[in-house]
């Protein structure tokens, strides 16, 4: 009887211990960015776009790849966990294929940029400082104006109006830097979450075209110190935004669609090891005005994008010579 009782207590004890292990694996966790002062991290982002548009009854197909690499140096962390991080551009690449042919540039493989892409090369080794909250929000930005002046000083006359000028524009003004940075980082929940729980956010953006993005994120699982998050984002043009102007011509974007996201976060640091996103947008670009408040021309457009962001405490493959 004593032996049976001992076995029973042993089984109960084992069951309690196993339950404890399961509880630890599925317990709620406060996911947040916790980069340590003095540490250096590396970030690589690559976006591939397939664009189909109809202009003057002619269909055009354009493929664009664009990549950026940055070194992130944590200069300071305050008592609230806010981090001052120096971002230095270490790598850039682009490849564009369209009606005018193909142009490409990869700073890890080419010593100089082709004509029209000088602005990308000029951005290399330039830095700004962003103050980041543990939730990935940008609290302050320093040095962007100085960085922009340094880039422009390197450019030959007329280069800022080339295609690369549009590519680097988000990185040479404060609002653009804020939107790009938060687009990569501001996905952390306000409260601790456990697998199966969801949270939402809503953002109004001006970079590219003025739009409203509403996202729902779900913590799918925790495994080996890595949290996996799935997310769906709906995207639509901001109806309150003013038209854009390009060479004296007004343009309004009327695009909408969705983006599916998969994110892997290192629980110890909050570092986003990988964020993959697939986006589909469809609609029109309305160009000009008939004089009666109606658009003079609507250019149908579809955009399919695949985006990938990686972060690591080691230099990432393909971003160095």
Protein backbone atom coordinates (compact mmCIF):
# COMPACT_ATOMS: atom_id res chain seq x y z
CA UNK A 1 0.00 0.00 0.00
CA UNK A 2 2.83 2.34 0.87
CA UNK A 3 4.48 1.64 -2.48
CA UNK A 4 1.23 2.28 -4.34
CA UNK A 5 0.76 5.46 -2.34
CA UNK A 6 4.29 6.55 -3.10
CA UNK A 7 3.74 5.94 -6.79
CA UNK A 8 0.47 7.91 -6.67
CA UNK A 9 2.13 10.87 -4.97
CA UNK A 10 5.01 10.65 -7.47
CA UNK A 11 2.55 10.73 -10.38
CA UNK A 12 0.68 13.66 -8.85
CA UNK A 13 3.95 15.46 -8.27
CA UNK A 14 5.04 14.82 -11.83
CA UNK A 15 1.67 16.04 -13.10
CA UNK A 16 1.98 19.27 -11.11
CA UNK A 17 5.51 19.79 -12.39
CA UNK A 18 4.39 19.15 -15.98
CA UNK A 19 1.51 21.55 -15.52
CA UNK A 20 3.98 24.14 -14.30
CA UNK A 21 6.12 23.65 -17.40
CA UNK A 22 3.09 24.03 -19.66
CA UNK A 23 2.03 27.17 -17.83
CA UNK A 24 5.46 28.67 -18.33
CA UNK A 25 5.36 27.92 -22.06
CA UNK A 26 1.97 29.53 -22.55
CA UNK A 27 2.11 32.29 -19.90
CA UNK A 28 1.36 35.86 -20.90
CA UNK A 29 4.47 37.79 -21.89
CA UNK A 30 4.99 41.57 -22.15
CA UNK A 31 6.52 41.75 -25.62
CA UNK A 32 8.60 44.91 -25.98
CA UNK A 33 11.85 46.28 -27.37
CA UNK A 34 14.67 45.98 -24.81
CA UNK A 35 17.94 46.79 -26.57
CA UNK A 36 20.94 47.12 -24.24
CA UNK A 37 23.14 50.22 -24.03
CA UNK A 38 26.41 49.74 -25.90
CA UNK A 39 25.07 46.94 -28.09
CA UNK A 40 25.15 47.03 -31.90
CA UNK A 41 22.48 45.44 -34.08
CA UNK A 42 21.96 45.15 -37.84
CA UNK A 43 18.84 45.56 -39.94
CA UNK A 44 18.10 44.57 -43.53
CA UNK A 45 14.86 45.34 -45.39
CA UNK A 46 13.98 44.32 -48.94
CA UNK A 47 10.77 45.13 -50.83
CA UNK A 48 9.80 43.58 -54.19
CA UNK A 49 6.94 45.24 -56.10
CA UNK A 50 5.11 44.10 -59.21
CA UNK A 51 3.09 47.00 -60.65
CA UNK A 52 0.57 46.80 -63.47
CA UNK A 53 -0.90 50.09 -64.72
CA UNK A 54 -2.82 51.29 -67.75
CA UNK A 55 -1.87 54.66 -69.22
CA UNK A 56 -3.38 56.05 -72.46
CA UNK A 57 -4.94 52.61 -73.10
CA UNK A 58 -1.52 51.01 -72.90
CA UNK A 59 -0.74 48.49 -70.15
CA UNK A 60 2.63 48.89 -68.47
CA UNK A 61 4.31 46.35 -66.21
CA UNK A 62 7.01 47.53 -63.81
CA UNK A 63 9.04 45.45 -61.35
CA UNK A 64 10.94 47.22 -58.59
CA UNK A 65 13.21 45.80 -55.89
CA UNK A 66 14.53 48.09 -53.17
CA UNK A 67 16.72 47.22 -50.19
CA UNK A 68 18.30 49.04 -47.26
CA UNK A 69 20.79 47.98 -44.59
CA UNK A 70 21.43 49.82 -41.34
CA UNK A 71 23.71 49.48 -38.33
CA UNK A 72 21.89 50.26 -35.07
CA UNK A 73 24.06 51.44 -32.16
CA UNK A 74 22.33 51.78 -28.79
CA UNK A 75 23.77 54.99 -27.30
CA UNK A 76 21.68 55.20 -24.14
CA UNK A 77 18.68 53.69 -22.32
CA UNK A 78 16.75 55.80 -19.78
CA UNK A 79 14.90 54.70 -16.65
CA UNK A 80 11.67 54.21 -18.64
CA UNK A 81 13.40 51.87 -21.09
CA UNK A 82 13.46 54.42 -23.95
CA UNK A 83 16.47 53.88 -26.22
CA UNK A 84 18.57 56.41 -28.18
CA UNK A 85 19.75 54.51 -31.24
CA UNK A 86 22.10 55.75 -33.94
CA UNK A 87 21.01 54.45 -37.36
CA UNK A 88 23.78 54.36 -39.99
CA UNK A 89 23.07 53.34 -43.60
CA UNK A 90 25.47 50.56 -44.58
CA UNK A 91 23.92 49.04 -47.72
CA UNK A 92 21.43 49.83 -50.45
CA UNK A 93 20.23 48.17 -53.62
CA UNK A 94 17.61 48.60 -56.30
CA UNK A 95 16.57 46.92 -59.51
CA UNK A 96 13.93 48.36 -61.82
CA UNK A 97 12.52 46.67 -64.91
CA UNK A 98 9.94 48.41 -67.07
CA UNK A 99 9.14 49.89 -70.50
CA UNK A 100 12.46 51.80 -70.48
CA UNK A 101 14.58 48.71 -69.78
CA UNK A 102 16.38 47.48 -66.68
CA UNK A 103 18.58 49.39 -64.25
CA UNK A 104 20.19 47.95 -61.12
CA UNK A 105 22.57 48.93 -58.34
CA UNK A 106 23.90 47.04 -55.32
CA UNK A 107 26.36 48.90 -53.10
CA UNK A 108 27.85 45.59 -51.86
CA UNK A 109 28.87 44.70 -55.43
CA UNK A 110 29.33 48.00 -57.30
CA UNK A 111 31.76 50.77 -56.51
CA UNK A 112 29.61 53.50 -58.04
CA UNK A 113 25.91 53.98 -58.77
CA UNK A 114 24.54 54.31 -62.32
CA UNK A 115 23.17 57.65 -63.51
CA UNK A 116 19.98 58.57 -61.70
CA UNK A 117 20.81 56.46 -58.64
CA UNK A 118 23.57 58.60 -57.14
CA UNK A 119 21.35 59.53 -54.18
CA UNK A 120 21.40 55.92 -52.97
CA UNK A 121 25.20 55.85 -52.90
CA UNK A 122 25.26 59.28 -51.22
CA UNK A 123 23.13 57.95 -48.35
CA UNK A 124 25.73 55.33 -47.39
CA UNK A 125 27.57 55.98 -44.10
CA UNK A 126 25.13 58.75 -43.18
CA UNK A 127 23.44 58.62 -39.77
CA UNK A 128 20.57 59.93 -37.68
CA UNK A 129 19.51 59.20 -34.10
CA UNK A 130 16.04 57.97 -33.14
CA UNK A 131 14.69 57.75 -29.61
CA UNK A 132 12.55 54.61 -29.43
CA UNK A 133 10.04 53.55 -26.80
CA UNK A 134 9.79 49.91 -25.65
CA UNK A 135 6.65 49.69 -27.84
CA UNK A 136 8.63 50.65 -30.96
CA UNK A 137 7.27 54.20 -31.18
CA UNK A 138 9.56 57.03 -32.33
CA UNK A 139 9.69 59.65 -29.57
CA UNK A 140 12.30 61.94 -31.13
CA UNK A 141 14.63 62.17 -34.13
CA UNK A 142 17.98 63.95 -34.33
CA UNK A 143 20.30 64.71 -37.22
CA UNK A 144 17.98 64.18 -40.20
CA UNK A 145 18.40 67.73 -41.56
CA UNK A 146 22.18 67.44 -41.28
CA UNK A 147 22.09 64.05 -42.98
CA UNK A 148 19.99 65.42 -45.84
CA UNK A 149 22.45 68.30 -46.34
CA UNK A 150 25.38 65.87 -46.41
CA UNK A 151 23.62 63.69 -49.02
CA UNK A 152 22.80 66.65 -51.24
CA UNK A 153 26.39 67.88 -51.02
CA UNK A 154 27.59 64.59 -52.55
CA UNK A 155 25.19 64.69 -55.49
CA UNK A 156 25.97 65.93 -59.00
CA UNK A 157 23.68 68.70 -60.32
CA UNK A 158 20.18 67.43 -61.08
CA UNK A 159 20.59 64.08 -59.34
CA UNK A 160 17.92 64.69 -56.63
CA UNK A 161 15.21 64.65 -59.32
CA UNK A 162 16.28 61.19 -60.50
CA UNK A 163 14.48 57.98 -59.45
CA UNK A 164 16.72 57.48 -56.43
CA UNK A 165 15.71 60.90 -55.12
CA UNK A 166 12.18 59.58 -54.62
CA UNK A 167 13.47 56.36 -53.05
CA UNK A 168 15.51 58.04 -50.33
CA UNK A 169 13.00 60.85 -49.66
CA UNK A 170 11.41 59.00 -46.69
CA UNK A 171 14.85 58.74 -45.06
CA UNK A 172 15.77 62.42 -45.42
CA UNK A 173 12.86 64.03 -43.56
CA UNK A 174 11.63 63.46 -40.00
CA UNK A 175 8.09 62.32 -40.78
CA UNK A 176 9.35 59.80 -43.32
CA UNK A 177 11.91 58.38 -40.87
CA UNK A 178 9.22 58.13 -38.21
CA UNK A 179 6.79 56.29 -40.49
CA UNK A 180 9.42 53.89 -41.86
CA UNK A 181 10.78 53.07 -38.40
CA UNK A 182 7.39 52.58 -36.77
CA UNK A 183 6.25 50.54 -39.76
CA UNK A 184 8.99 48.04 -38.87
CA UNK A 185 8.81 48.21 -35.06
CA UNK A 186 5.49 49.51 -33.72
CA UNK A 187 3.71 46.16 -33.50
CA UNK A 188 4.17 45.39 -29.80
CA UNK A 189 1.03 44.96 -27.64
CA UNK A 190 0.28 47.42 -24.83
CA UNK A 191 -0.34 44.58 -22.36
CA UNK A 192 1.15 41.15 -21.76
CA UNK A 193 -0.32 38.54 -24.13
CA UNK A 194 -0.45 34.77 -24.31
CA UNK A 195 -0.80 32.51 -27.37
CA UNK A 196 -4.15 33.04 -29.06
CA UNK A 197 -4.63 36.60 -27.82
CA UNK A 198 -4.94 39.53 -30.28
CA UNK A 199 -4.49 43.31 -30.28
CA UNK A 200 -5.08 46.08 -32.83
CA UNK A 201 -3.69 49.40 -33.98
CA UNK A 202 -4.54 52.12 -36.48
CA UNK A 203 -2.13 54.48 -38.27
CA UNK A 204 -2.51 57.35 -40.72
CA UNK A 205 0.52 57.63 -43.03
CA UNK A 206 1.72 60.09 -45.65
CA UNK A 207 4.78 58.31 -47.08
CA UNK A 208 4.21 57.00 -50.62
CA UNK A 209 0.56 58.04 -50.66
CA UNK A 210 -1.67 59.19 -47.81
CA UNK A 211 -3.43 56.17 -46.37
CA UNK A 212 -5.01 54.61 -43.31
CA UNK A 213 -3.75 51.24 -42.09
CA UNK A 214 -5.65 49.15 -39.54
CA UNK A 215 -3.94 46.03 -38.23
CA UNK A 216 -4.92 43.08 -36.07
CA UNK A 217 -2.07 41.07 -34.53
CA UNK A 218 -2.27 37.64 -32.88
CA UNK A 219 0.39 35.87 -30.84
CA UNK A 220 0.38 32.44 -32.47
CA UNK A 221 2.98 30.60 -30.42
CA UNK A 222 6.06 30.78 -28.20
CA UNK A 223 8.89 28.38 -28.90
CA UNK A 224 12.57 28.32 -27.88
CA UNK A 225 12.51 31.95 -26.76
CA UNK A 226 10.89 33.19 -29.98
CA UNK A 227 7.36 34.59 -30.24
CA UNK A 228 5.57 34.18 -33.57
CA UNK A 229 2.95 36.79 -34.47
CA UNK A 230 0.49 36.76 -37.38
CA UNK A 231 -1.19 39.93 -38.57
CA UNK A 232 -3.65 41.21 -41.14
CA UNK A 233 -3.61 44.87 -42.21
CA UNK A 234 -6.30 46.62 -44.23
CA UNK A 235 -5.13 49.60 -46.27
CA UNK A 236 -7.16 52.38 -47.85
CA UNK A 237 -6.50 55.87 -49.18
CA UNK A 238 -7.05 58.65 -46.65
CA UNK A 239 -10.11 60.49 -48.05
CA UNK A 240 -9.16 63.67 -46.16
CA UNK A 241 -5.68 63.93 -47.66
CA UNK A 242 -4.93 66.73 -50.16
CA UNK A 243 -3.83 65.75 -53.69
CA UNK A 244 -0.16 65.28 -54.43
CA UNK A 245 1.55 67.59 -56.92
CA UNK A 246 4.15 66.44 -59.40
CA UNK A 247 5.60 68.96 -61.85
CA UNK A 248 2.54 71.17 -61.44
CA UNK A 249 0.05 68.34 -61.97
CA UNK A 250 -2.32 67.21 -59.22
CA UNK A 251 -2.68 63.50 -58.50
CA UNK A 252 -5.05 61.66 -56.20
CA UNK A 253 -4.54 58.05 -55.17
CA UNK A 254 -7.57 55.80 -54.74
CA UNK A 255 -6.03 52.48 -53.69
CA UNK A 256 -7.06 49.83 -51.19
CA UNK A 257 -6.10 46.31 -50.24
CA UNK A 258 -4.67 44.04 -47.57
CA UNK A 259 -1.35 42.91 -46.15
CA UNK A 260 -0.65 39.56 -44.48
CA UNK A 261 2.20 39.53 -41.95
CA UNK A 262 4.31 36.93 -40.14
CA UNK A 263 6.71 38.14 -37.44
CA UNK A 264 9.26 36.37 -35.24
CA UNK A 265 10.44 38.23 -32.14
CA UNK A 266 13.26 37.28 -29.76
CA UNK A 267 11.51 37.41 -26.39
CA UNK A 268 14.64 38.39 -24.42
CA UNK A 269 15.35 41.57 -26.40
CA UNK A 270 12.19 42.20 -28.41
CA UNK A 271 14.36 42.19 -31.54
CA UNK A 272 12.33 41.46 -34.67
CA UNK A 273 14.35 38.64 -36.14
CA UNK A 274 12.11 38.42 -39.19
CA UNK A 275 9.03 40.20 -40.52
CA UNK A 276 7.58 38.96 -43.81
CA UNK A 277 4.64 40.69 -45.44
CA UNK A 278 2.62 40.13 -48.61
CA UNK A 279 0.57 43.10 -49.79
CA UNK A 280 -1.97 43.59 -52.57
CA UNK A 281 -3.37 46.99 -53.57
CA UNK A 282 -5.77 47.87 -56.37
CA UNK A 283 -7.40 51.06 -57.60
CA UNK A 284 -6.69 54.21 -59.61
CA UNK A 285 -4.40 57.19 -59.74
CA UNK A 286 -6.47 60.18 -60.79
CA UNK A 287 -4.42 62.75 -62.67
CA UNK A 288 -5.30 66.36 -63.41
CA UNK A 289 -8.67 68.11 -63.24
CA UNK A 290 -11.29 68.76 -65.90
CA UNK A 291 -12.15 72.16 -64.42
CA UNK A 292 -15.47 70.88 -63.07
CA UNK A 293 -14.09 69.07 -60.07
CA UNK A 294 -13.82 65.73 -61.89
CA UNK A 295 -10.52 63.97 -62.60
CA UNK A 296 -9.33 64.37 -66.17
CA UNK A 297 -7.75 60.92 -66.29
CA UNK A 298 -7.88 57.77 -64.17
CA UNK A 299 -4.97 55.35 -64.43
CA UNK A 300 -5.94 51.85 -63.18
CA UNK A 301 -3.20 50.22 -61.11
CA UNK A 302 -2.50 47.04 -59.16
CA UNK A 303 0.49 46.61 -56.85
CA UNK A 304 1.68 43.29 -55.47
CA UNK A 305 4.46 43.51 -52.88
CA UNK A 306 6.59 41.10 -50.91
CA UNK A 307 8.51 42.70 -48.05
CA UNK A 308 11.04 41.21 -45.66
CA UNK A 309 12.79 42.78 -42.66
CA UNK A 310 15.55 41.02 -40.70
CA UNK A 311 17.33 42.15 -37.53
CA UNK A 312 20.31 40.52 -35.83
CA UNK A 313 23.25 41.20 -33.52
CA UNK A 314 25.52 40.11 -36.39
CA UNK A 315 26.00 41.65 -39.88
CA UNK A 316 23.43 40.24 -42.29
CA UNK A 317 24.32 38.34 -45.45
CA UNK A 318 24.42 40.32 -48.68
CA UNK A 319 24.82 43.74 -47.09
CA UNK A 320 28.65 43.87 -46.95
CA UNK A 321 31.35 43.54 -49.56
